Protein backbone atom coordinates (compact mmCIF):
# COMPACT_ATOMS: atom_id res chain seq x y z
CA MET A 1 134.77 100.38 47.45
CA SER A 2 133.03 102.13 44.55
CA ALA A 3 129.51 101.82 43.07
CA ARG A 4 128.63 102.52 39.51
CA ALA A 5 125.20 103.06 37.82
CA GLU A 6 123.53 104.87 34.97
CA LEU A 7 121.00 107.62 35.41
CA ILE A 8 117.57 107.18 33.81
CA ARG A 9 115.83 109.99 32.11
CA HIS A 10 112.36 110.74 33.62
CA PRO A 11 109.88 109.56 31.02
CA ALA A 12 107.91 112.84 31.17
CA THR A 13 110.94 114.71 29.84
CA GLY A 14 112.82 114.59 26.57
CA CYS A 15 116.40 114.96 25.67
CA GLY A 16 117.31 113.34 22.36
CA VAL A 17 120.85 114.60 22.39
CA ILE A 18 121.97 112.63 25.44
CA ARG A 19 122.75 108.93 24.96
CA ARG A 20 123.63 108.16 28.64
CA ILE A 21 124.75 109.52 32.00
CA ALA A 22 127.02 107.21 33.94
CA VAL A 23 127.81 107.84 37.65
CA GLU A 24 130.42 106.40 39.99
CA ALA A 25 130.77 107.01 43.70
CA SER A 26 133.31 105.92 46.26
CA ARG A 27 133.94 106.70 49.81
CA ALA A 28 137.23 107.24 51.68
CA ALA A 29 137.46 107.77 55.42
CA ASP A 30 136.50 111.42 55.32
CA ALA A 31 135.56 112.13 51.66
CA LEU A 32 133.00 111.15 49.14
CA ASP A 33 134.03 111.06 45.45
CA ILE A 34 131.34 111.31 42.78
CA SER A 35 131.93 111.30 38.97
CA PHE A 36 129.22 112.09 36.39
CA ARG A 37 129.80 111.39 32.70
CA VAL A 38 127.29 112.71 30.07
CA GLU A 39 127.56 111.20 26.63
CA GLY A 40 125.90 112.84 23.60
CA ASP A 41 126.07 115.87 21.48
CA ILE A 42 127.37 118.29 24.13
CA SER A 43 127.36 121.28 21.60
CA LEU A 44 123.51 121.11 21.85
CA LEU A 45 123.54 121.60 25.59
CA ALA A 46 123.45 124.82 27.72
CA ILE A 47 126.59 124.27 29.86
CA PRO A 48 127.67 127.32 31.93
CA ALA A 49 131.21 128.57 31.50
CA ALA A 50 133.60 127.53 34.26
CA GLY A 51 134.33 130.18 36.93
CA ALA A 52 135.52 130.42 40.52
CA PRO A 53 133.73 128.05 42.99
CA GLN A 54 130.99 129.86 44.89
CA ARG A 55 127.98 128.91 46.78
CA SER A 56 124.77 129.66 44.87
CA ASP A 57 121.05 128.84 45.03
CA GLY A 58 118.72 127.82 42.20
CA LEU A 59 121.33 125.71 40.38
CA TRP A 60 118.66 123.08 39.55
CA GLN A 61 117.00 125.50 37.25
CA HIS A 62 119.79 124.89 34.57
CA SER A 63 122.36 122.13 33.90
CA CYS A 64 123.71 120.76 37.17
CA PHE A 65 124.50 117.55 39.00
CA GLU A 66 122.89 116.60 42.36
CA ALA A 67 123.70 114.28 45.14
CA PHE A 68 121.17 113.43 47.99
CA LEU A 69 122.82 111.67 50.95
CA GLN A 70 121.18 109.94 53.83
CA THR A 71 122.24 107.59 56.64
CA GLY A 72 120.10 104.54 57.28
CA GLY A 73 117.06 104.82 59.51
CA ASN A 74 117.21 108.62 59.41
CA GLU A 75 114.60 110.87 57.72
CA ALA A 76 117.12 113.72 57.52
CA TYR A 77 119.35 114.04 54.44
CA LEU A 78 121.66 116.41 52.66
CA GLU A 79 121.22 117.76 49.19
CA PHE A 80 124.17 118.99 47.08
CA ASN A 81 124.05 120.77 43.66
CA PHE A 82 127.02 121.17 41.45
CA SER A 83 127.06 123.37 38.37
CA PRO A 84 129.82 122.90 35.67
CA SER A 85 130.38 126.59 36.28
CA GLY A 86 131.91 125.76 39.67
CA ALA A 87 128.90 127.04 41.60
CA TRP A 88 127.56 124.73 44.31
CA ALA A 89 124.91 124.54 46.96
CA ALA A 90 124.28 122.43 49.98
CA TYR A 91 121.09 122.03 52.09
CA ARG A 92 120.13 119.87 55.05
CA PHE A 93 116.55 118.69 55.38
CA SER A 94 115.06 117.23 58.55
CA ALA A 95 112.63 115.18 56.43
CA ARG A 96 111.44 114.95 52.82
CA ARG A 97 111.42 118.65 51.66
CA ARG A 98 111.03 119.89 55.27
CA GLY A 99 113.17 121.88 57.58
CA ARG A 100 115.62 123.13 54.96
CA GLU A 101 118.74 124.91 56.12
CA SER A 102 122.14 125.69 54.61
CA PRO A 103 124.87 123.95 56.72
CA VAL A 104 128.24 125.40 56.97
CA LEU A 105 130.51 123.01 54.92
CA THR A 106 133.78 123.06 53.09
CA ALA A 107 133.41 123.88 49.47
CA PRO A 108 133.50 120.63 47.41
CA ARG A 109 136.49 120.19 44.97
CA THR A 110 135.28 119.88 41.41
CA GLU A 111 136.71 119.29 37.95
CA VAL A 112 135.04 119.55 34.66
CA ARG A 113 136.39 118.11 31.44
CA HIS A 114 134.68 117.72 28.04
CA GLY A 115 134.98 116.79 24.48
CA PRO A 116 132.57 117.05 21.53
CA ASP A 117 130.56 114.10 22.58
CA TRP A 118 131.11 113.90 26.37
CA LEU A 119 131.18 116.02 29.56
CA ALA A 120 132.59 114.65 32.85
CA MET A 121 132.42 116.28 36.23
CA THR A 122 134.17 114.93 39.28
CA ILE A 123 133.31 116.09 42.77
CA GLN A 124 134.90 115.55 46.15
CA ILE A 125 132.80 116.27 49.11
CA SER A 126 134.58 116.42 52.50
CA LEU A 127 132.64 114.43 55.13
CA ALA A 128 134.83 115.54 57.98
CA ALA A 129 132.37 118.24 59.16
CA ILE A 130 129.22 116.07 58.65
CA ALA A 131 128.94 114.23 61.94
CA GLU A 132 125.91 112.04 60.91
CA PHE A 133 127.94 110.27 58.24
CA ALA A 134 130.86 109.34 60.57
CA GLY A 135 131.17 105.56 60.55
CA ARG A 136 127.66 105.04 58.98
CA PRO A 137 126.75 103.73 55.57
CA ILE A 138 125.28 106.28 53.14
CA ALA A 139 122.20 105.81 50.76
CA ALA A 140 122.66 108.17 47.86
CA GLY A 141 120.38 109.55 45.34
CA LEU A 142 122.45 110.80 42.34
CA ALA A 143 120.75 112.95 39.74
CA ALA A 144 121.29 115.52 36.86
CA VAL A 145 119.29 118.29 35.38
CA ILE A 146 120.32 118.89 31.80
CA GLU A 147 119.36 122.04 29.76
CA ASP A 148 119.54 122.05 26.06
CA ARG A 149 120.54 125.29 24.27
CA HIS A 150 116.83 126.05 23.74
CA GLY A 151 116.19 126.08 27.39
CA ALA A 152 114.33 122.71 27.60
CA LEU A 153 115.20 120.67 30.78
CA SER A 154 115.40 116.99 31.24
CA TRP A 155 115.68 115.24 34.55
CA TRP A 156 117.85 112.15 35.11
CA ALA A 157 118.13 109.97 38.32
CA LEU A 158 118.88 106.50 39.51
CA ASP A 159 115.27 105.80 39.86
CA HIS A 160 112.00 107.63 39.36
CA ARG A 161 108.87 106.72 41.33
CA ALA A 162 106.42 109.52 40.44
CA ALA A 163 104.60 111.03 37.45
CA ALA A 164 106.70 114.23 37.93
CA PRO A 165 110.49 114.33 38.56
CA ASP A 166 111.23 114.20 42.40
CA PHE A 167 114.91 113.92 43.44
CA HIS A 168 113.82 114.26 47.08
CA ASP A 169 112.07 110.87 47.15
CA PRO A 170 114.15 108.74 49.68
CA ALA A 171 112.99 105.54 47.73
CA THR A 172 115.26 106.74 44.88
CA PHE A 173 118.35 106.96 47.16
CA THR A 174 119.34 103.52 45.83
CA LEU A 175 123.18 103.82 45.55
CA ARG A 176 124.73 102.25 48.70
CA LEU A 177 128.08 103.27 50.10
CA PRO A 178 129.42 101.34 53.20
CA ALA A 179 130.93 103.12 56.22
């Protein structure tokens, strides 16, 4: 079963060159597939060049896609960051913005494609080594940070609940994926 949605730009940020960001997520027995599709004038964005996949911190400071995953009734969650460059990051939090650690996980498989007015990134996360997701539904918060070529950032998410962008708010983990 797959779930589709559109990300909403945080009202405190601007980005007139993006028309929409669509997302789709589906879950297989031991994998989570997520697709992001940005539509707009891609030439006006700062998109890092593709390179070899590598783990890297601070990806949210530039264009990247994010997934926050939580199982029902649990304060703990995982945060994933994916750059179009192939760089990625994963963090486990024991509660909202607390107890951060970097879990040992298999590198996600990613693919980036683009045209003059669209950019798509597909991601496959292996759930095999993430015991807390085995046989349990997932609440996902999907988000994107988009940087224009002048360095201005805009924040996009399924939902925004605060005056400033906050992707860590569990109330915004609104996409549901059954076990």
